[in-house]
All heavy atoms as atom14 arrays in JSON, in Angstrom:
{
  "sequence": "TTINYKSGVLPYQKNVNPIDWTTGEAASADACIAVMG",
  "atom14_mask": [
    [1, 1, 1, 1, 1, 1, 1, 0, 0, 0, 0, 0, 0, 0],
    [1, 1, 1, 1, 1, 1, 1, 0, 0, 0, 0, 0, 0, 0],
    [1, 1, 1, 1, 1, 1, 1, 1, 0, 0, 0, 0, 0, 0],
    [1, 1, 1, 1, 1, 1, 1, 1, 0, 0, 0, 0, 0, 0],
    [1, 1, 1, 1, 1, 1, 1, 1, 1, 1, 1, 1, 0, 0],
    [1, 1, 1, 1, 1, 1, 1, 1, 1, 0, 0, 0, 0, 0],
    [1, 1, 1, 1, 1, 1, 0, 0, 0, 0, 0, 0, 0, 0],
    [1, 1, 1, 1, 0, 0, 0, 0, 0, 0, 0, 0, 0, 0],
    [1, 1, 1, 1, 1, 1, 1, 0, 0, 0, 0, 0, 0, 0],
    [1, 1, 1, 1, 1, 1, 1, 1, 0, 0, 0, 0, 0, 0],
    [1, 1, 1, 1, 1, 1, 1, 0, 0, 0, 0, 0, 0, 0],
    [1, 1, 1, 1, 1, 1, 1, 1, 1, 1, 1, 1, 0, 0],
    [1, 1, 1, 1, 1, 1, 1, 1, 1, 0, 0, 0, 0, 0],
    [1, 1, 1, 1, 1, 1, 1, 1, 1, 0, 0, 0, 0, 0],
    [1, 1, 1, 1, 1, 1, 1, 1, 0, 0, 0, 0, 0, 0],
    [1, 1, 1, 1, 1, 1, 1, 0, 0, 0, 0, 0, 0, 0],
    [1, 1, 1, 1, 1, 1, 1, 1, 0, 0, 0, 0, 0, 0],
    [1, 1, 1, 1, 1, 1, 1, 0, 0, 0, 0, 0, 0, 0],
    [1, 1, 1, 1, 1, 1, 1, 1, 0, 0, 0, 0, 0, 0],
    [1, 1, 1, 1, 1, 1, 1, 1, 0, 0, 0, 0, 0, 0],
    [1, 1, 1, 1, 1, 1, 1, 1, 1, 1, 1, 1, 1, 1],
    [1, 1, 1, 1, 1, 1, 1, 0, 0, 0, 0, 0, 0, 0],
    [1, 1, 1, 1, 1, 1, 1, 0, 0, 0, 0, 0, 0, 0],
    [1, 1, 1, 1, 0, 0, 0, 0, 0, 0, 0, 0, 0, 0],
    [1, 1, 1, 1, 1, 1, 1, 1, 1, 0, 0, 0, 0, 0],
    [1, 1, 1, 1, 1, 0, 0, 0, 0, 0, 0, 0, 0, 0],
    [1, 1, 1, 1, 1, 0, 0, 0, 0, 0, 0, 0, 0, 0],
    [1, 1, 1, 1, 1, 1, 0, 0, 0, 0, 0, 0, 0, 0],
    [1, 1, 1, 1, 1, 0, 0, 0, 0, 0, 0, 0, 0, 0],
    [1, 1, 1, 1, 1, 1, 1, 1, 0, 0, 0, 0, 0, 0],
    [1, 1, 1, 1, 1, 0, 0, 0, 0, 0, 0, 0, 0, 0],
    [1, 1, 1, 1, 1, 1, 0, 0, 0, 0, 0, 0, 0, 0],
    [1, 1, 1, 1, 1, 1, 1, 1, 0, 0, 0, 0, 0, 0],
    [1, 1, 1, 1, 1, 0, 0, 0, 0, 0, 0, 0, 0, 0],
    [1, 1, 1, 1, 1, 1, 1, 0, 0, 0, 0, 0, 0, 0],
    [1, 1, 1, 1, 1, 1, 1, 1, 0, 0, 0, 0, 0, 0],
    [1, 1, 1, 1, 0, 0, 0, 0, 0, 0, 0, 0, 0, 0]
  ],
  "atom14_positions": [
    [[0.83, -1.2, 0.0], [0.0, 0.0, 0.0], [0.87, 1.26, 0.0], [1.82, 1.36, 0.77], [-0.93, 0.01, 1.23], [-1.81, -1.1, 1.15], [-1.73, 1.3, 1.3], [0.0, 0.0, 0.0], [0.0, 0.0, 0.0], [0.0, 0.0, 0.0], [0.0, 0.0, 0.0], [0.0, 0.0, 0.0], [0.0, 0.0, 0.0], [0.0, 0.0, 0.0]],
    [[0.51, 2.21, -0.84], [1.15, 3.52, -0.8], [0.5, 4.34, 0.3], [-0.72, 4.55, 0.29], [1.0, 4.24, -2.15], [1.71, 3.51, -3.15], [1.56, 5.66, -2.07], [0.0, 0.0, 0.0], [0.0, 0.0, 0.0], [0.0, 0.0, 0.0], [0.0, 0.0, 0.0], [0.0, 0.0, 0.0], [0.0, 0.0, 0.0], [0.0, 0.0, 0.0]],
    [[1.31, 4.78, 1.27], [0.8, 5.61, 2.35], [1.59, 6.92, 2.35], [2.82, 6.92, 2.3], [0.96, 4.95, 3.73], [0.18, 3.64, 3.8], [0.46, 5.88, 4.83], [0.28, 2.95, 5.14], [0.0, 0.0, 0.0], [0.0, 0.0, 0.0], [0.0, 0.0, 0.0], [0.0, 0.0, 0.0], [0.0, 0.0, 0.0], [0.0, 0.0, 0.0]],
    [[0.87, 8.0, 2.4], [1.5, 9.29, 2.62], [0.88, 9.94, 3.84], [-0.31, 9.77, 4.13], [1.33, 10.2, 1.4], [2.35, 9.87, 0.32], [3.55, 10.04, 0.51], [1.86, 9.36, -0.82], [0.0, 0.0, 0.0], [0.0, 0.0, 0.0], [0.0, 0.0, 0.0], [0.0, 0.0, 0.0], [0.0, 0.0, 0.0], [0.0, 0.0, 0.0]],
    [[1.71, 10.69, 4.55], [1.24, 11.38, 5.75], [1.82, 12.78, 5.8], [3.02, 12.98, 5.59], [1.64, 10.63, 7.03], [1.64, 11.55, 8.24], [0.44, 11.98, 8.8], [2.84, 12.01, 8.78], [0.44, 12.86, 9.89], [2.84, 12.88, 9.87], [1.64, 13.3, 10.41], [1.64, 14.17, 11.47], [0.0, 0.0, 0.0], [0.0, 0.0, 0.0]],
    [[0.97, 13.74, 6.05], [1.38, 15.09, 6.42], [0.37, 15.61, 7.44], [-0.83, 15.39, 7.3], [1.42, 16.02, 5.2], [2.57, 15.77, 4.24], [2.62, 16.84, 3.16], [3.81, 16.59, 2.24], [3.63, 15.39, 1.41], [0.0, 0.0, 0.0], [0.0, 0.0, 0.0], [0.0, 0.0, 0.0], [0.0, 0.0, 0.0], [0.0, 0.0, 0.0]],
    [[0.88, 16.3, 8.44], [-0.01, 16.87, 9.45], [-1.04, 17.78, 8.79], [-2.22, 17.77, 9.15], [0.79, 17.64, 10.49], [-0.07, 18.25, 11.42], [0.0, 0.0, 0.0], [0.0, 0.0, 0.0], [0.0, 0.0, 0.0], [0.0, 0.0, 0.0], [0.0, 0.0, 0.0], [0.0, 0.0, 0.0], [0.0, 0.0, 0.0], [0.0, 0.0, 0.0]],
    [[-0.61, 18.58, 7.82], [-1.53, 19.36, 7.01], [-2.03, 20.65, 7.64], [-2.19, 21.66, 6.96], [0.0, 0.0, 0.0], [0.0, 0.0, 0.0], [0.0, 0.0, 0.0], [0.0, 0.0, 0.0], [0.0, 0.0, 0.0], [0.0, 0.0, 0.0], [0.0, 0.0, 0.0], [0.0, 0.0, 0.0], [0.0, 0.0, 0.0], [0.0, 0.0, 0.0]],
    [[-2.28, 20.61, 8.94], [-2.86, 21.76, 9.61], [-2.38, 21.78, 11.06], [-2.14, 20.73, 11.67], [-4.41, 21.7, 9.53], [-4.95, 20.5, 10.28], [-5.05, 22.98, 10.03], [0.0, 0.0, 0.0], [0.0, 0.0, 0.0], [0.0, 0.0, 0.0], [0.0, 0.0, 0.0], [0.0, 0.0, 0.0], [0.0, 0.0, 0.0], [0.0, 0.0, 0.0]],
    [[-2.21, 22.97, 11.61], [-1.84, 23.1, 13.02], [-3.04, 22.76, 13.9], [-4.19, 22.86, 13.46], [-1.36, 24.52, 13.31], [-0.05, 24.93, 12.61], [0.22, 26.43, 12.81], [1.11, 24.11, 13.15], [0.0, 0.0, 0.0], [0.0, 0.0, 0.0], [0.0, 0.0, 0.0], [0.0, 0.0, 0.0], [0.0, 0.0, 0.0], [0.0, 0.0, 0.0]],
    [[-2.79, 22.39, 15.14], [-3.92, 21.95, 15.98], [-4.99, 23.01, 16.22], [-6.18, 22.74, 16.08], [-3.26, 21.52, 17.29], [-1.83, 21.25, 16.94], [-1.5, 22.17, 15.82], [0.0, 0.0, 0.0], [0.0, 0.0, 0.0], [0.0, 0.0, 0.0], [0.0, 0.0, 0.0], [0.0, 0.0, 0.0], [0.0, 0.0, 0.0], [0.0, 0.0, 0.0]],
    [[-4.58, 24.23, 16.58], [-5.55, 25.2, 17.08], [-5.46, 26.58, 16.43], [-6.08, 27.51, 16.9], [-5.41, 25.35, 18.6], [-5.4, 24.04, 19.34], [-4.34, 23.69, 20.17], [-6.44, 23.13, 19.19], [-4.32, 22.47, 20.84], [-6.43, 21.91, 19.85], [-5.37, 21.59, 20.67], [-5.35, 20.39, 21.33], [0.0, 0.0, 0.0], [0.0, 0.0, 0.0]],
    [[-4.68, 26.7, 15.36], [-4.56, 28.0, 14.72], [-4.28, 27.81, 13.24], [-3.9, 26.73, 12.79], [-3.42, 28.81, 15.34], [-2.04, 28.2, 15.1], [-0.95, 28.94, 15.84], [-0.85, 28.85, 17.06], [-0.14, 29.68, 15.09], [0.0, 0.0, 0.0], [0.0, 0.0, 0.0], [0.0, 0.0, 0.0], [0.0, 0.0, 0.0], [0.0, 0.0, 0.0]],
    [[-4.51, 28.88, 12.45], [-4.25, 28.81, 11.03], [-2.78, 28.55, 10.78], [-1.91, 28.96, 11.55], [-4.65, 30.13, 10.36], [-6.15, 30.36, 10.27], [-6.45, 31.65, 9.52], [-7.95, 31.87, 9.39], [-8.24, 33.13, 8.66], [0.0, 0.0, 0.0], [0.0, 0.0, 0.0], [0.0, 0.0, 0.0], [0.0, 0.0, 0.0], [0.0, 0.0, 0.0]],
    [[-2.5, 27.86, 9.69], [-1.11, 27.61, 9.33], [-0.39, 28.93, 9.08], [-0.93, 29.83, 8.41], [-1.03, 26.75, 8.07], [-1.5, 25.33, 8.3], [-1.85, 24.96, 9.42], [-1.52, 24.54, 7.25], [0.0, 0.0, 0.0], [0.0, 0.0, 0.0], [0.0, 0.0, 0.0], [0.0, 0.0, 0.0], [0.0, 0.0, 0.0], [0.0, 0.0, 0.0]],
    [[0.81, 29.04, 9.59], [1.62, 30.24, 9.35], [2.1, 30.26, 7.9], [2.07, 31.29, 7.23], [2.81, 30.28, 10.33], [3.68, 31.51, 10.05], [2.31, 30.28, 11.78], [0.0, 0.0, 0.0], [0.0, 0.0, 0.0], [0.0, 0.0, 0.0], [0.0, 0.0, 0.0], [0.0, 0.0, 0.0], [0.0, 0.0, 0.0], [0.0, 0.0, 0.0]],
    [[2.51, 29.1, 7.41], [2.94, 28.95, 6.02], [1.72, 28.67, 5.16], [1.04, 27.66, 5.35], [3.94, 27.8, 5.92], [4.53, 27.63, 4.54], [3.97, 28.1, 3.56], [5.64, 26.92, 4.46], [0.0, 0.0, 0.0], [0.0, 0.0, 0.0], [0.0, 0.0, 0.0], [0.0, 0.0, 0.0], [0.0, 0.0, 0.0], [0.0, 0.0, 0.0]],
    [[1.4, 29.51, 4.19], [0.17, 29.33, 3.4], [0.26, 28.25, 2.34], [-0.76, 27.89, 1.74], [-0.01, 30.7, 2.76], [1.38, 31.22, 2.59], [2.14, 30.73, 3.81], [0.0, 0.0, 0.0], [0.0, 0.0, 0.0], [0.0, 0.0, 0.0], [0.0, 0.0, 0.0], [0.0, 0.0, 0.0], [0.0, 0.0, 0.0], [0.0, 0.0, 0.0]],
    [[1.44, 27.7, 2.08], [1.58, 26.7, 1.03], [0.88, 25.39, 1.45], [1.13, 24.86, 2.53], [3.07, 26.43, 0.72], [3.76, 27.72, 0.25], [3.2, 25.33, -0.33], [5.26, 27.57, 0.09], [0.0, 0.0, 0.0], [0.0, 0.0, 0.0], [0.0, 0.0, 0.0], [0.0, 0.0, 0.0], [0.0, 0.0, 0.0], [0.0, 0.0, 0.0]],
    [[0.04, 24.88, 0.58], [-0.74, 23.69, 0.89], [-0.3, 22.52, 0.02], [-0.61, 22.46, -1.18], [-2.23, 23.98, 0.67], [-3.11, 22.76, 0.89], [-2.6, 21.74, 1.39], [-4.3, 22.82, 0.56], [0.0, 0.0, 0.0], [0.0, 0.0, 0.0], [0.0, 0.0, 0.0], [0.0, 0.0, 0.0], [0.0, 0.0, 0.0], [0.0, 0.0, 0.0]],
    [[0.43, 21.59, 0.61], [0.87, 20.38, -0.09], [0.05, 19.16, 0.33], [0.45, 18.03, 0.08], [2.36, 20.12, 0.19], [3.29, 20.99, -0.59], [2.96, 21.98, -1.46], [4.72, 20.93, -0.56], [4.08, 22.55, -1.99], [5.18, 21.93, -1.46], [5.66, 20.15, 0.12], [6.53, 22.16, -1.68], [7.0, 20.38, -0.1], [7.44, 21.37, -0.99]],
    [[-1.06, 19.39, 1.0], [-1.77, 18.28, 1.61], [-3.15, 18.0, 1.02], [-3.45, 16.87, 0.64], [-1.92, 18.5, 3.13], [-0.64, 18.66, 3.71], [-2.65, 17.35, 3.79], [0.0, 0.0, 0.0], [0.0, 0.0, 0.0], [0.0, 0.0, 0.0], [0.0, 0.0, 0.0], [0.0, 0.0, 0.0], [0.0, 0.0, 0.0], [0.0, 0.0, 0.0]],
    [[-3.99, 19.02, 0.95], [-5.41, 18.75, 0.66], [-5.63, 18.13, -0.7], [-6.51, 17.27, -0.88], [-6.25, 20.03, 0.81], [-5.69, 21.06, -0.02], [-6.28, 20.5, 2.25], [0.0, 0.0, 0.0], [0.0, 0.0, 0.0], [0.0, 0.0, 0.0], [0.0, 0.0, 0.0], [0.0, 0.0, 0.0], [0.0, 0.0, 0.0], [0.0, 0.0, 0.0]],
    [[-4.82, 18.53, -1.7], [-4.97, 17.94, -3.03], [-4.62, 16.47, -3.04], [-5.34, 15.64, -3.62], [0.0, 0.0, 0.0], [0.0, 0.0, 0.0], [0.0, 0.0, 0.0], [0.0, 0.0, 0.0], [0.0, 0.0, 0.0], [0.0, 0.0, 0.0], [0.0, 0.0, 0.0], [0.0, 0.0, 0.0], [0.0, 0.0, 0.0], [0.0, 0.0, 0.0]],
    [[-3.48, 16.14, -2.4], [-3.08, 14.72, -2.32], [-4.09, 13.91, -1.55], [-4.42, 12.76, -1.91], [-1.71, 14.63, -1.65], [-0.53, 15.09, -2.48], [0.77, 14.81, -1.76], [1.12, 13.63, -1.58], [1.43, 15.77, -1.37], [0.0, 0.0, 0.0], [0.0, 0.0, 0.0], [0.0, 0.0, 0.0], [0.0, 0.0, 0.0], [0.0, 0.0, 0.0]],
    [[-4.58, 14.48, -0.43], [-5.54, 13.77, 0.4], [-6.8, 13.45, -0.38], [-7.37, 12.37, -0.27], [-5.87, 14.6, 1.64], [0.0, 0.0, 0.0], [0.0, 0.0, 0.0], [0.0, 0.0, 0.0], [0.0, 0.0, 0.0], [0.0, 0.0, 0.0], [0.0, 0.0, 0.0], [0.0, 0.0, 0.0], [0.0, 0.0, 0.0], [0.0, 0.0, 0.0]],
    [[-7.25, 14.4, -1.19], [-8.5, 14.24, -1.93], [-8.37, 13.26, -3.08], [-9.37, 12.69, -3.54], [-8.97, 15.59, -2.44], [0.0, 0.0, 0.0], [0.0, 0.0, 0.0], [0.0, 0.0, 0.0], [0.0, 0.0, 0.0], [0.0, 0.0, 0.0], [0.0, 0.0, 0.0], [0.0, 0.0, 0.0], [0.0, 0.0, 0.0], [0.0, 0.0, 0.0]],
    [[-7.15, 13.03, -3.56], [-6.97, 12.15, -4.73], [-6.62, 10.72, -4.37], [-6.63, 9.84, -5.23], [-5.87, 12.73, -5.63], [-4.62, 12.74, -4.96], [0.0, 0.0, 0.0], [0.0, 0.0, 0.0], [0.0, 0.0, 0.0], [0.0, 0.0, 0.0], [0.0, 0.0, 0.0], [0.0, 0.0, 0.0], [0.0, 0.0, 0.0], [0.0, 0.0, 0.0]],
    [[-6.31, 10.46, -3.11], [-6.0, 9.1, -2.69], [-7.26, 8.24, -2.71], [-8.38, 8.75, -2.75], [-5.39, 9.12, -1.29], [0.0, 0.0, 0.0], [0.0, 0.0, 0.0], [0.0, 0.0, 0.0], [0.0, 0.0, 0.0], [0.0, 0.0, 0.0], [0.0, 0.0, 0.0], [0.0, 0.0, 0.0], [0.0, 0.0, 0.0], [0.0, 0.0, 0.0]],
    [[-7.08, 6.92, -2.66], [-8.24, 6.02, -2.64], [-9.1, 6.25, -1.4], [-10.31, 6.01, -1.41], [-7.78, 4.57, -2.68], [-7.16, 4.22, -4.03], [-7.45, 4.91, -5.02], [-6.36, 3.26, -4.09], [0.0, 0.0, 0.0], [0.0, 0.0, 0.0], [0.0, 0.0, 0.0], [0.0, 0.0, 0.0], [0.0, 0.0, 0.0], [0.0, 0.0, 0.0]],
    [[-8.47, 6.69, -0.32], [-9.19, 7.08, 0.89], [-8.28, 7.98, 1.7], [-7.05, 7.87, 1.65], [-9.61, 5.86, 1.71], [0.0, 0.0, 0.0], [0.0, 0.0, 0.0], [0.0, 0.0, 0.0], [0.0, 0.0, 0.0], [0.0, 0.0, 0.0], [0.0, 0.0, 0.0], [0.0, 0.0, 0.0], [0.0, 0.0, 0.0], [0.0, 0.0, 0.0]],
    [[-8.91, 8.87, 2.45], [-8.15, 9.76, 3.34], [-8.68, 9.58, 4.76], [-9.89, 9.63, 5.0], [-8.3, 11.22, 2.92], [-7.59, 12.4, 4.09], [0.0, 0.0, 0.0], [0.0, 0.0, 0.0], [0.0, 0.0, 0.0], [0.0, 0.0, 0.0], [0.0, 0.0, 0.0], [0.0, 0.0, 0.0], [0.0, 0.0, 0.0], [0.0, 0.0, 0.0]],
    [[-7.75, 9.36, 5.67], [-8.09, 9.33, 7.09], [-7.58, 10.63, 7.7], [-6.36, 10.85, 7.77], [-7.46, 8.12, 7.79], [-7.96, 6.82, 7.16], [-7.78, 8.14, 9.29], [-7.25, 5.57, 7.69], [0.0, 0.0, 0.0], [0.0, 0.0, 0.0], [0.0, 0.0, 0.0], [0.0, 0.0, 0.0], [0.0, 0.0, 0.0], [0.0, 0.0, 0.0]],
    [[-8.48, 11.48, 8.12], [-8.13, 12.77, 8.73], [-8.3, 12.65, 10.24], [-9.43, 12.46, 10.72], [-9.0, 13.89, 8.17], [0.0, 0.0, 0.0], [0.0, 0.0, 0.0], [0.0, 0.0, 0.0], [0.0, 0.0, 0.0], [0.0, 0.0, 0.0], [0.0, 0.0, 0.0], [0.0, 0.0, 0.0], [0.0, 0.0, 0.0], [0.0, 0.0, 0.0]],
    [[-7.19, 12.73, 10.96], [-7.22, 12.55, 12.41], [-7.17, 13.92, 13.07], [-6.11, 14.55, 13.16], [-6.06, 11.65, 12.88], [-6.26, 11.27, 14.34], [-5.95, 10.41, 12.02], [0.0, 0.0, 0.0], [0.0, 0.0, 0.0], [0.0, 0.0, 0.0], [0.0, 0.0, 0.0], [0.0, 0.0, 0.0], [0.0, 0.0, 0.0], [0.0, 0.0, 0.0]],
    [[-8.31, 14.38, 13.51], [-8.48, 15.73, 14.05], [-8.85, 15.66, 15.53], [-8.87, 14.6, 16.13], [-9.56, 16.46, 13.25], [-9.28, 16.54, 11.76], [-7.89, 17.64, 11.42], [-7.76, 17.44, 9.65], [0.0, 0.0, 0.0], [0.0, 0.0, 0.0], [0.0, 0.0, 0.0], [0.0, 0.0, 0.0], [0.0, 0.0, 0.0], [0.0, 0.0, 0.0]],
    [[-9.19, 16.81, 16.09], [-9.67, 16.83, 17.46], [-8.85, 17.71, 18.36], [-8.14, 18.62, 17.92], [0.0, 0.0, 0.0], [0.0, 0.0, 0.0], [0.0, 0.0, 0.0], [0.0, 0.0, 0.0], [0.0, 0.0, 0.0], [0.0, 0.0, 0.0], [0.0, 0.0, 0.0], [0.0, 0.0, 0.0], [0.0, 0.0, 0.0], [0.0, 0.0, 0.0]]
  ]
}
């Protein structure tokens, strides 16, 4: 299985760095598990 992981987002505040290398990859995978909370 191809697995990729990136935190993608800070826990409680907006990302300081605006570059997004996560959401596109997450949306194109066969499934995305987003672990939030």
